[in-house]
Each structure stands twice: as structure tokens, then as C-alpha cells.
């Protein structure tokens, strides 16, 4: 029977996380990673541990509050850091992370009416990740309401200094966002 293993996030240099997780969890070993030294988790690290969570052999400890929310929203299994924040119904955000440090968020069409949008967790989670780029895919949103605009502004603040890029934006939404001068804060590209 194998013993559980522990390490710190500093023990996992960039580019080695997936290999280290595979090695450490071989044979059913549970790897507990102390993240207390990093209030913002690198996206490539988070992507690797979320993938590793599918097998249930990775646990994270010492997470800063925003990092905990990020982990919970990205890891739908709840095995890394506990269950996700209370979201009534299905989460309105589909979050994708990649090994290059990019975060892609695809809000559902129902985002504007979803109660989670008014919860600070809906944007504070980005303060817990260290991203190289943040893309918000608005392909499902023909129009943008004031709650969605406020959410976008909060996201922009939360991920600073990394800019938010709005992609696949409808012509109507581009007009609305430009009238509100959000094009001065975020890059906006059409569908």
C-alpha cells in the first residue's frame, strides 16, 4: 500500500507539473500540495491539477480565498478544495484553462438573469489566478445588459494587470460596449 505524498507549489517548477503529478499519484498515492506561498495560482498549474483531479489523487491546501473560489469553479468534482460556491442551478460560466496560462470564460446565454452574477465570487475568482491572457467568449449574447456590463468591469479589475479580451461579440453588443467606452478598457472582437 502506497503512502500519501506532500509538496509545496514551489516544488513544482513550471512545465513539470503534469509529469510530477503523474509520477506522484502513480499507484493510488494522494498528493497534497501546499499553495500557501502563492495567493494567485499560475493557470498552467491550475489546469494540470484540475485535469489530475479527475482521478481523485490530488488535494490542495493553504489556498488564498480567491484562489479557493477559482479552484472550486474550475474543478467540478470538488475533490481539490471542496465543493464549488453555491450556484443555484447549473453554473453560468464554462471556464477553460490551458498550459500556456490562458483563461477562457464562456458565459451561458442565461448569465444576465442568473443569481450568481450578483455574487462577488462571479468575478473575485480571477484574483486567485495568475493568467497570461483572459478571454471572455460572448458568442451567446446578442445584447448586453447593465448587470453583464458591471460583471465585465469587475472581471477586468480582478485580473489586472492582464487585460480582458472580449471575443465573438455580436455587432449589437459591440455597439453597446463601444457606446459605454468599454473598448478603451478591453479589446473587443466581433463574431
C-alpha atoms as a PDB file:
ATOM      1  CA  UNK A   1       0.000   0.000   0.000  1.00  0.00           C
ATOM      2  CA  UNK A   2       1.428   3.365  -1.002  1.00  0.00           C
ATOM      3  CA  UNK A   3       1.790   6.342   1.299  1.00  0.00           C
ATOM      4  CA  UNK A   4       0.381   9.767   0.628  1.00  0.00           C
ATOM      5  CA  UNK A   5       2.843  12.429  -0.541  1.00  0.00           C
ATOM      6  CA  UNK A   6       3.070  16.144   0.164  1.00  0.00           C
ATOM      7  CA  UNK A   7       4.861  19.022  -1.528  1.00  0.00           C
ATOM      8  CA  UNK A   8       4.593  22.772  -1.945  1.00  0.00           C
ATOM      9  CA  UNK A   9       3.698  24.627  -5.100  1.00  0.00           C
ATOM     10  CA  UNK A  10       7.335  25.811  -5.206  1.00  0.00           C
ATOM     11  CA  UNK A  11       8.414  22.158  -5.576  1.00  0.00           C
ATOM     12  CA  UNK A  12       6.619  22.024  -8.923  1.00  0.00           C
ATOM     13  CA  UNK A  13       8.535  24.172 -11.430  1.00  0.00           C
ATOM     14  CA  UNK A  14       6.584  25.428 -14.452  1.00  0.00           C
ATOM     15  CA  UNK A  15       6.439  22.884 -17.243  1.00  0.00           C
ATOM     16  CA  UNK A  16       6.878  19.901 -14.913  1.00  0.00           C
ATOM     17  CA  UNK A  17       3.539  19.875 -13.103  1.00  0.00           C
ATOM     18  CA  UNK A  18       1.740  17.276 -15.247  1.00  0.00           C
ATOM     19  CA  UNK A  19       4.725  14.884 -15.180  1.00  0.00           C
ATOM     20  CA  UNK A  20       5.202  15.346 -11.443  1.00  0.00           C
ATOM     21  CA  UNK A  21       1.508  14.737 -10.761  1.00  0.00           C
ATOM     22  CA  UNK A  22       1.523  11.569 -12.865  1.00  0.00           C
ATOM     23  CA  UNK A  23       4.666  10.324 -11.110  1.00  0.00           C
ATOM     24  CA  UNK A  24       3.489  11.217  -7.611  1.00  0.00           C
ATOM     25  CA  UNK A  25       0.000   9.758  -7.956  1.00  0.00           C
ATOM     26  CA  UNK A  26       1.025   6.518  -9.658  1.00  0.00           C
ATOM     27  CA  UNK A  27      -0.266   3.553  -7.744  1.00  0.00           C
ATOM     28  CA  UNK A  28      -3.002   5.484  -5.962  1.00  0.00           C
ATOM     29  CA  UNK A  29      -0.819   7.837  -3.926  1.00  0.00           C
ATOM     30  CA  UNK A  30      -2.663  11.011  -2.944  1.00  0.00           C
ATOM     31  CA  UNK A  31      -0.532  14.117  -3.495  1.00  0.00           C
ATOM     32  CA  UNK A  32      -1.305  17.072  -1.216  1.00  0.00           C
ATOM     33  CA  UNK A  33       0.087  20.370  -2.491  1.00  0.00           C
ATOM     34  CA  UNK A  34       0.525  23.317  -0.113  1.00  0.00           C
ATOM     35  CA  UNK A  35      -0.291  26.500  -2.046  1.00  0.00           C
ATOM     36  CA  UNK A  36       0.101  28.983   0.821  1.00  0.00           C
ATOM     37  CA  UNK A  37       3.134  30.628  -0.825  1.00  0.00           C
ATOM     38  CA  UNK A  38       1.094  31.691  -3.888  1.00  0.00           C
ATOM     39  CA  UNK A  39      -2.058  33.792  -3.389  1.00  0.00           C
ATOM     40  CA  UNK A  40      -2.517  33.692  -7.192  1.00  0.00           C
ATOM     41  CA  UNK A  41      -2.188  30.245  -8.734  1.00  0.00           C
ATOM     42  CA  UNK A  42      -0.495  30.044 -12.145  1.00  0.00           C
ATOM     43  CA  UNK A  43      -3.082  28.994 -14.734  1.00  0.00           C
ATOM     44  CA  UNK A  44      -0.849  26.248 -16.165  1.00  0.00           C
ATOM     45  CA  UNK A  45      -0.537  24.768 -12.649  1.00  0.00           C
ATOM     46  CA  UNK A  46      -4.289  25.018 -12.092  1.00  0.00           C
ATOM     47  CA  UNK A  47      -5.011  23.405 -15.492  1.00  0.00           C
ATOM     48  CA  UNK A  48      -2.760  20.466 -14.611  1.00  0.00           C
ATOM     49  CA  UNK A  49      -4.217  19.880 -11.155  1.00  0.00           C
ATOM     50  CA  UNK A  50      -7.804  20.207 -12.422  1.00  0.00           C
ATOM     51  CA  UNK A  51      -7.010  17.517 -15.002  1.00  0.00           C
ATOM     52  CA  UNK A  52      -5.390  15.429 -12.253  1.00  0.00           C
ATOM     53  CA  UNK A  53      -8.461  15.828 -10.037  1.00  0.00           C
ATOM     54  CA  UNK A  54     -10.443  13.537 -12.328  1.00  0.00           C
ATOM     55  CA  UNK A  55      -8.655  10.585 -10.742  1.00  0.00           C
ATOM     56  CA  UNK A  56      -9.059  11.939  -7.220  1.00  0.00           C
ATOM     57  CA  UNK A  57      -5.387  11.732  -6.253  1.00  0.00           C
ATOM     58  CA  UNK A  58      -4.603  15.444  -5.795  1.00  0.00           C
ATOM     59  CA  UNK A  59      -5.547  17.778  -2.935  1.00  0.00           C
ATOM     60  CA  UNK A  60      -4.717  21.460  -2.471  1.00  0.00           C
ATOM     61  CA  UNK A  61      -4.211  23.135   0.905  1.00  0.00           C
ATOM     62  CA  UNK A  62      -3.322  26.651   2.043  1.00  0.00           C
ATOM     63  CA  UNK A  63      -5.351  28.322  -0.697  1.00  0.00           C
ATOM     64  CA  UNK A  64      -5.969  32.066  -0.523  1.00  0.00           C
ATOM     65  CA  UNK A  65      -9.732  32.861  -0.565  1.00  0.00           C
ATOM     66  CA  UNK A  66      -9.852  33.956  -4.236  1.00  0.00           C
ATOM     67  CA  UNK A  67      -7.686  31.010  -5.286  1.00  0.00           C
ATOM     68  CA  UNK A  68     -10.053  28.629  -3.464  1.00  0.00           C
ATOM     69  CA  UNK A  69     -13.023  30.036  -5.389  1.00  0.00           C
ATOM     70  CA  UNK A  70     -11.097  29.688  -8.680  1.00  0.00           C
ATOM     71  CA  UNK A  71     -10.234  26.071  -7.914  1.00  0.00           C
ATOM     72  CA  UNK A  72     -13.812  25.301  -6.921  1.00  0.00           C
ATOM     73  CA  UNK A  73     -15.268  26.844 -10.091  1.00  0.00           C
ATOM     74  CA  UNK A  74     -12.767  25.076 -12.367  1.00  0.00           C
ATOM     75  CA  UNK A  75     -12.828  21.691 -10.617  1.00  0.00           C
ATOM     76  CA  UNK A  76     -16.400  20.468 -10.858  1.00  0.00           C
ATOM     77  CA  UNK A  77     -15.535  17.279  -8.922  1.00  0.00           C
ATOM     78  CA  UNK A  78     -14.988  19.172  -5.667  1.00  0.00           C
ATOM     79  CA  UNK A  79     -12.044  16.903  -4.864  1.00  0.00           C
ATOM     80  CA  UNK A  80      -9.297  19.568  -4.933  1.00  0.00           C
ATOM     81  CA  UNK A  81     -10.645  22.133  -2.496  1.00  0.00           C
ATOM     82  CA  UNK A  82     -14.201  21.219  -1.611  1.00  0.00           C
ATOM     83  CA  UNK A  83     -17.486  21.815  -3.396  1.00  0.00           C
ATOM     84  CA  UNK A  84     -17.957  24.864  -5.628  1.00  0.00           C
ATOM     85  CA  UNK A  85     -19.536  28.045  -4.284  1.00  0.00           C
ATOM     86  CA  UNK A  86     -23.296  27.943  -4.045  1.00  0.00           C
ATOM     87  CA  UNK A  87     -24.606  28.329  -7.558  1.00  0.00           C
ATOM     88  CA  UNK A  88     -28.334  27.968  -7.956  1.00  0.00           C
ATOM     89  CA  UNK A  89     -28.881  25.586 -10.833  1.00  0.00           C
ATOM     90  CA  UNK A  90     -26.113  24.955 -13.309  1.00  0.00           C
ATOM     91  CA  UNK A  91     -23.126  27.296 -13.307  1.00  0.00           C
ATOM     92  CA  UNK A  92     -23.470  30.045 -15.911  1.00  0.00           C
ATOM     93  CA  UNK A  93     -19.708  30.003 -16.568  1.00  0.00           C
ATOM     94  CA  UNK A  94     -17.745  27.476 -18.587  1.00  0.00           C
ATOM     95  CA  UNK A  95     -14.096  28.062 -17.645  1.00  0.00           C
ATOM     96  CA  UNK A  96     -11.277  26.607 -19.721  1.00  0.00           C
ATOM     97  CA  UNK A  97      -7.614  26.752 -18.677  1.00  0.00           C
ATOM     98  CA  UNK A  98      -4.604  25.904 -20.798  1.00  0.00           C
ATOM     99  CA  UNK A  99      -0.939  25.132 -20.244  1.00  0.00           C
ATOM    100  CA  UNK A 100       0.106  28.473 -21.739  1.00  0.00           C
ATOM    101  CA  UNK A 101      -1.592  30.354 -18.911  1.00  0.00           C
ATOM    102  CA  UNK A 102      -4.721  31.434 -20.761  1.00  0.00           C
ATOM    103  CA  UNK A 103      -8.163  31.570 -19.168  1.00  0.00           C
ATOM    104  CA  UNK A 104     -11.211  31.371 -21.408  1.00  0.00           C
ATOM    105  CA  UNK A 105     -14.638  32.057 -19.950  1.00  0.00           C
ATOM    106  CA  UNK A 106     -17.791  31.302 -21.878  1.00  0.00           C
ATOM    107  CA  UNK A 107     -20.836  32.665 -20.050  1.00  0.00           C
ATOM    108  CA  UNK A 108     -24.125  30.954 -20.805  1.00  0.00           C
ATOM    109  CA  UNK A 109     -26.936  32.772 -22.529  1.00  0.00           C
ATOM    110  CA  UNK A 110     -28.788  32.918 -19.203  1.00  0.00           C
ATOM    111  CA  UNK A 111     -25.922  34.762 -17.457  1.00  0.00           C
ATOM    112  CA  UNK A 112     -27.730  38.112 -17.354  1.00  0.00           C
ATOM    113  CA  UNK A 113     -30.595  36.602 -15.353  1.00  0.00           C
ATOM    114  CA  UNK A 114     -28.573  34.188 -13.250  1.00  0.00           C
ATOM    115  CA  UNK A 115     -28.372  34.950  -9.489  1.00  0.00           C
ATOM    116  CA  UNK A 116     -24.671  34.005  -9.462  1.00  0.00           C
ATOM    117  CA  UNK A 117     -23.880  37.136 -11.488  1.00  0.00           C
ATOM    118  CA  UNK A 118     -24.556  39.338  -8.433  1.00  0.00           C
ATOM    119  CA  UNK A 119     -22.355  37.187  -6.180  1.00  0.00           C
ATOM    120  CA  UNK A 120     -18.814  38.579  -5.717  1.00  0.00           C
ATOM    121  CA  UNK A 121     -17.495  35.044  -6.386  1.00  0.00           C
ATOM    122  CA  UNK A 122     -18.603  35.524 -10.017  1.00  0.00           C
ATOM    123  CA  UNK A 123     -15.617  37.819 -10.571  1.00  0.00           C
ATOM    124  CA  UNK A 124     -13.397  37.555  -7.464  1.00  0.00           C
ATOM    125  CA  UNK A 125     -12.145  34.103  -8.535  1.00  0.00           C
ATOM    126  CA  UNK A 126      -9.942  35.796 -11.145  1.00  0.00           C
ATOM    127  CA  UNK A 127      -7.945  37.456  -8.341  1.00  0.00           C
ATOM    128  CA  UNK A 128      -6.843  33.944  -7.411  1.00  0.00           C
ATOM    129  CA  UNK A 129      -5.243  33.085 -10.751  1.00  0.00           C
ATOM    130  CA  UNK A 130      -2.109  34.300 -12.464  1.00  0.00           C
ATOM    131  CA  UNK A 131      -3.032  34.362 -16.151  1.00  0.00           C
ATOM    132  CA  UNK A 132      -1.142  35.381 -19.264  1.00  0.00           C
ATOM    133  CA  UNK A 133      -4.427  36.194 -21.066  1.00  0.00           C
ATOM    134  CA  UNK A 134      -8.130  36.300 -20.238  1.00  0.00           C
ATOM    135  CA  UNK A 135     -10.755  35.833 -22.950  1.00  0.00           C
ATOM    136  CA  UNK A 136     -14.487  36.204 -22.451  1.00  0.00           C
ATOM    137  CA  UNK A 137     -16.394  34.495 -25.263  1.00  0.00           C
ATOM    138  CA  UNK A 138     -19.712  36.311 -25.724  1.00  0.00           C
ATOM    139  CA  UNK A 139     -20.987  34.329 -28.735  1.00  0.00           C
ATOM    140  CA  UNK A 140     -24.279  33.535 -26.985  1.00  0.00           C
ATOM    141  CA  UNK A 141     -25.067  37.170 -26.135  1.00  0.00           C
ATOM    142  CA  UNK A 142     -26.784  39.230 -28.817  1.00  0.00           C
ATOM    143  CA  UNK A 143     -27.354  42.091 -26.355  1.00  0.00           C
ATOM    144  CA  UNK A 144     -25.532  43.081 -23.175  1.00  0.00           C
ATOM    145  CA  UNK A 145     -27.480  44.323 -20.154  1.00  0.00           C
ATOM    146  CA  UNK A 146     -26.227  46.530 -17.324  1.00  0.00           C
ATOM    147  CA  UNK A 147     -25.574  43.578 -14.971  1.00  0.00           C
ATOM    148  CA  UNK A 148     -23.369  41.934 -17.579  1.00  0.00           C
ATOM    149  CA  UNK A 149     -21.508  45.210 -18.151  1.00  0.00           C
ATOM    150  CA  UNK A 150     -20.901  45.522 -14.397  1.00  0.00           C
ATOM    151  CA  UNK A 151     -19.672  41.903 -14.291  1.00  0.00           C
ATOM    152  CA  UNK A 152     -17.266  42.580 -17.182  1.00  0.00           C
ATOM    153  CA  UNK A 153     -15.895  45.657 -15.411  1.00  0.00           C
ATOM    154  CA  UNK A 154     -15.375  43.647 -12.202  1.00  0.00           C
ATOM    155  CA  UNK A 155     -13.613  40.895 -14.166  1.00  0.00           C
ATOM    156  CA  UNK A 156     -11.359  43.492 -15.769  1.00  0.00           C
ATOM    157  CA  UNK A 157     -10.385  44.822 -12.339  1.00  0.00           C
ATOM    158  CA  UNK A 158      -9.913  41.359 -10.859  1.00  0.00           C
ATOM    159  CA  UNK A 159      -7.440  40.148 -13.454  1.00  0.00           C
ATOM    160  CA  UNK A 160      -5.366  43.350 -13.681  1.00  0.00           C
ATOM    161  CA  UNK A 161      -2.727  43.888 -14.956  1.00  0.00           C
ATOM    162  CA  UNK A 162      -3.701  41.277 -17.564  1.00  0.00           C
ATOM    163  CA  UNK A 163      -6.280  42.798 -19.932  1.00  0.00           C
ATOM    164  CA  UNK A 164      -9.606  41.165 -20.674  1.00  0.00           C
ATOM    165  CA  UNK A 165     -10.302  40.357 -24.317  1.00  0.00           C
ATOM    166  CA  UNK A 166     -13.926  40.054 -25.377  1.00  0.00           C
ATOM    167  CA  UNK A 167     -14.239  37.684 -28.329  1.00  0.00           C
ATOM    168  CA  UNK A 168     -17.023  36.552 -30.671  1.00  0.00           C
ATOM    169  CA  UNK A 169     -19.073  39.614 -29.740  1.00  0.00           C
ATOM    170  CA  UNK A 170     -22.231  40.341 -31.769  1.00  0.00           C
ATOM    171  CA  UNK A 171     -22.455  43.589 -33.755  1.00  0.00           C
ATOM    172  CA  UNK A 172     -25.233  44.838 -31.462  1.00  0.00           C
ATOM    173  CA  UNK A 173     -23.169  44.117 -28.347  1.00  0.00           C
ATOM    174  CA  UNK A 174     -20.084  45.771 -29.892  1.00  0.00           C
ATOM    175  CA  UNK A 175     -22.178  48.903 -30.450  1.00  0.00           C
ATOM    176  CA  UNK A 176     -23.408  48.840 -26.852  1.00  0.00           C
ATOM    177  CA  UNK A 177     -19.932  48.248 -25.384  1.00  0.00           C
ATOM    178  CA  UNK A 178     -18.396  50.949 -27.584  1.00  0.00           C
ATOM    179  CA  UNK A 179     -21.070  53.473 -26.559  1.00  0.00           C
ATOM    180  CA  UNK A 180     -20.179  52.700 -22.949  1.00  0.00           C
ATOM    181  CA  UNK A 181     -16.476  53.165 -23.879  1.00  0.00           C
ATOM    182  CA  UNK A 182     -15.522  49.692 -22.693  1.00  0.00           C
ATOM    183  CA  UNK A 183     -13.415  49.417 -25.842  1.00  0.00           C
ATOM    184  CA  UNK A 184     -10.926  51.676 -24.018  1.00  0.00           C
ATOM    185  CA  UNK A 185     -10.585  49.087 -21.223  1.00  0.00           C
ATOM    186  CA  UNK A 186     -10.893  45.795 -23.110  1.00  0.00           C
ATOM    187  CA  UNK A 187     -10.125  44.530 -26.586  1.00  0.00           C
ATOM    188  CA  UNK A 188     -13.375  43.691 -28.382  1.00  0.00           C
ATOM    189  CA  UNK A 189     -13.527  41.493 -31.457  1.00  0.00           C
ATOM    190  CA  UNK A 190     -16.577  40.537 -33.485  1.00  0.00           C
ATOM    191  CA  UNK A 191     -18.173  37.191 -34.105  1.00  0.00           C
END
